[in-house]
Amino acid sequence: MSALTLCCLLRAVPGQEAGLHRYEDAVLVLVADHGGTVLQRAVGDGGDGQPHEVQILRFPDATALDGYVADPRRVRMADERDRVVARTDVFPVDLRT
């Protein structure tokens, strides 16, 4: 099994930018419980259709990612997520320097 590095682009429901960041503050704490790491979080203003937040996450393997996605604590936050997050795009990346 190989590590997964993911890029997540998040766009807030209009007027819910602060709520998106609060939700992400809460849910990203769970990543470590599944062996993952939040490598980077970048916050933008969402202007011109750009994301409000960009995250780079690493998980040891797909099983760890699946565990994070299915974590009951994360699932319980789904209503809040739906209220504040308009769109999420997640895709695998290779980091280069």
Protein backbone atom coordinates (compact mmCIF):
# COMPACT_ATOMS: atom_id res chain seq x y z
CA MET A 1 0.00 0.00 0.00
CA SER A 2 1.23 3.50 -0.73
CA ALA A 3 0.58 6.85 0.86
CA LEU A 4 -2.10 9.10 -0.61
CA THR A 5 -1.56 12.83 -0.92
CA LEU A 6 -4.73 14.75 -1.67
CA CYS A 7 -5.52 18.33 -2.62
CA CYS A 8 -8.90 19.61 -1.41
CA LEU A 9 -10.46 22.76 -2.83
CA LEU A 10 -13.33 24.11 -0.73
CA ARG A 11 -15.86 26.78 -1.61
CA ALA A 12 -18.22 28.23 0.98
CA VAL A 13 -21.93 28.80 0.70
CA PRO A 14 -22.19 32.58 0.14
CA GLY A 15 -22.06 34.32 3.51
CA GLN A 16 -20.79 31.18 5.28
CA GLU A 17 -17.04 31.66 4.76
CA ALA A 18 -16.31 31.83 8.51
CA GLY A 19 -18.55 28.79 9.06
CA LEU A 20 -16.59 26.82 6.47
CA HIS A 21 -13.33 27.56 8.29
CA ARG A 22 -14.84 26.65 11.68
CA TYR A 23 -16.16 23.38 10.25
CA GLU A 24 -12.74 22.57 8.78
CA ASP A 25 -11.04 23.44 12.08
CA ALA A 26 -13.26 20.83 13.75
CA VAL A 27 -13.17 18.06 11.17
CA LEU A 28 -9.46 18.20 10.35
CA VAL A 29 -8.62 17.34 13.96
CA LEU A 30 -9.88 13.84 13.12
CA VAL A 31 -7.34 13.29 10.33
CA ALA A 32 -4.57 12.36 12.80
CA ASP A 33 -6.79 9.73 14.42
CA HIS A 34 -6.63 7.85 11.10
CA GLY A 35 -2.89 8.16 10.62
CA GLY A 36 -3.20 11.16 8.33
CA THR A 37 -1.51 14.53 8.34
CA VAL A 38 -2.74 17.97 7.34
CA LEU A 39 0.33 19.15 5.45
CA GLN A 40 -1.00 22.59 4.55
CA ARG A 41 -4.09 24.78 4.77
CA ALA A 42 -4.32 27.96 2.74
CA VAL A 43 -7.21 30.41 3.07
CA GLY A 44 -8.28 32.75 0.29
CA ASP A 45 -11.12 35.19 -0.22
CA GLY A 46 -12.97 33.07 -2.79
CA GLY A 47 -12.92 35.91 -5.30
CA ASP A 48 -13.52 35.19 -8.99
CA GLY A 49 -14.77 31.69 -8.18
CA GLN A 50 -11.54 30.65 -6.50
CA PRO A 51 -11.64 28.34 -3.46
CA HIS A 52 -12.03 29.77 0.03
CA GLU A 53 -9.67 27.11 1.37
CA VAL A 54 -7.08 24.76 -0.12
CA GLN A 55 -5.77 21.80 1.86
CA ILE A 56 -3.03 19.27 1.25
CA LEU A 57 -3.64 16.06 3.22
CA ARG A 58 -1.64 12.85 3.42
CA PHE A 59 -2.97 9.45 4.48
CA PRO A 60 -0.87 6.30 4.79
CA ASP A 61 -3.21 4.40 2.45
CA ALA A 62 -6.76 4.20 1.10
CA THR A 63 -7.95 2.27 4.16
CA ALA A 64 -6.92 5.15 6.43
CA LEU A 65 -8.69 7.66 4.17
CA ASP A 66 -11.82 5.50 4.15
CA GLY A 67 -11.71 5.36 7.95
CA TYR A 68 -11.54 9.15 8.15
CA VAL A 69 -14.42 9.59 5.71
CA ALA A 70 -16.58 7.08 7.63
CA ASP A 71 -15.58 8.32 11.11
CA PRO A 72 -18.84 8.63 13.09
CA ARG A 73 -17.71 11.97 14.54
CA ARG A 74 -17.24 13.32 11.01
CA VAL A 75 -20.53 11.84 9.84
CA ARG A 76 -22.33 13.59 12.73
CA MET A 77 -21.04 16.93 11.36
CA ALA A 78 -22.57 16.34 7.90
CA ASP A 79 -25.49 18.73 8.44
CA GLU A 80 -23.10 21.54 9.38
CA ARG A 81 -20.94 20.74 6.40
CA ASP A 82 -23.94 20.90 4.07
CA ARG A 83 -24.92 24.25 5.59
CA VAL A 84 -21.54 25.95 5.06
CA VAL A 85 -19.72 24.14 2.23
CA ALA A 86 -21.04 24.71 -1.29
CA ARG A 87 -18.47 22.63 -3.14
CA THR A 88 -15.49 20.39 -2.47
CA ASP A 89 -13.09 19.09 -5.09
CA VAL A 90 -10.63 16.39 -3.96
CA PHE A 91 -7.94 14.87 -6.15
CA PRO A 92 -4.64 13.04 -5.69
CA VAL A 93 -1.40 14.98 -6.17
CA ASP A 94 2.34 14.40 -6.05
CA LEU A 95 4.21 17.09 -4.13
CA ARG A 96 7.35 18.47 -5.73
CA THR A 97 9.88 21.03 -4.59
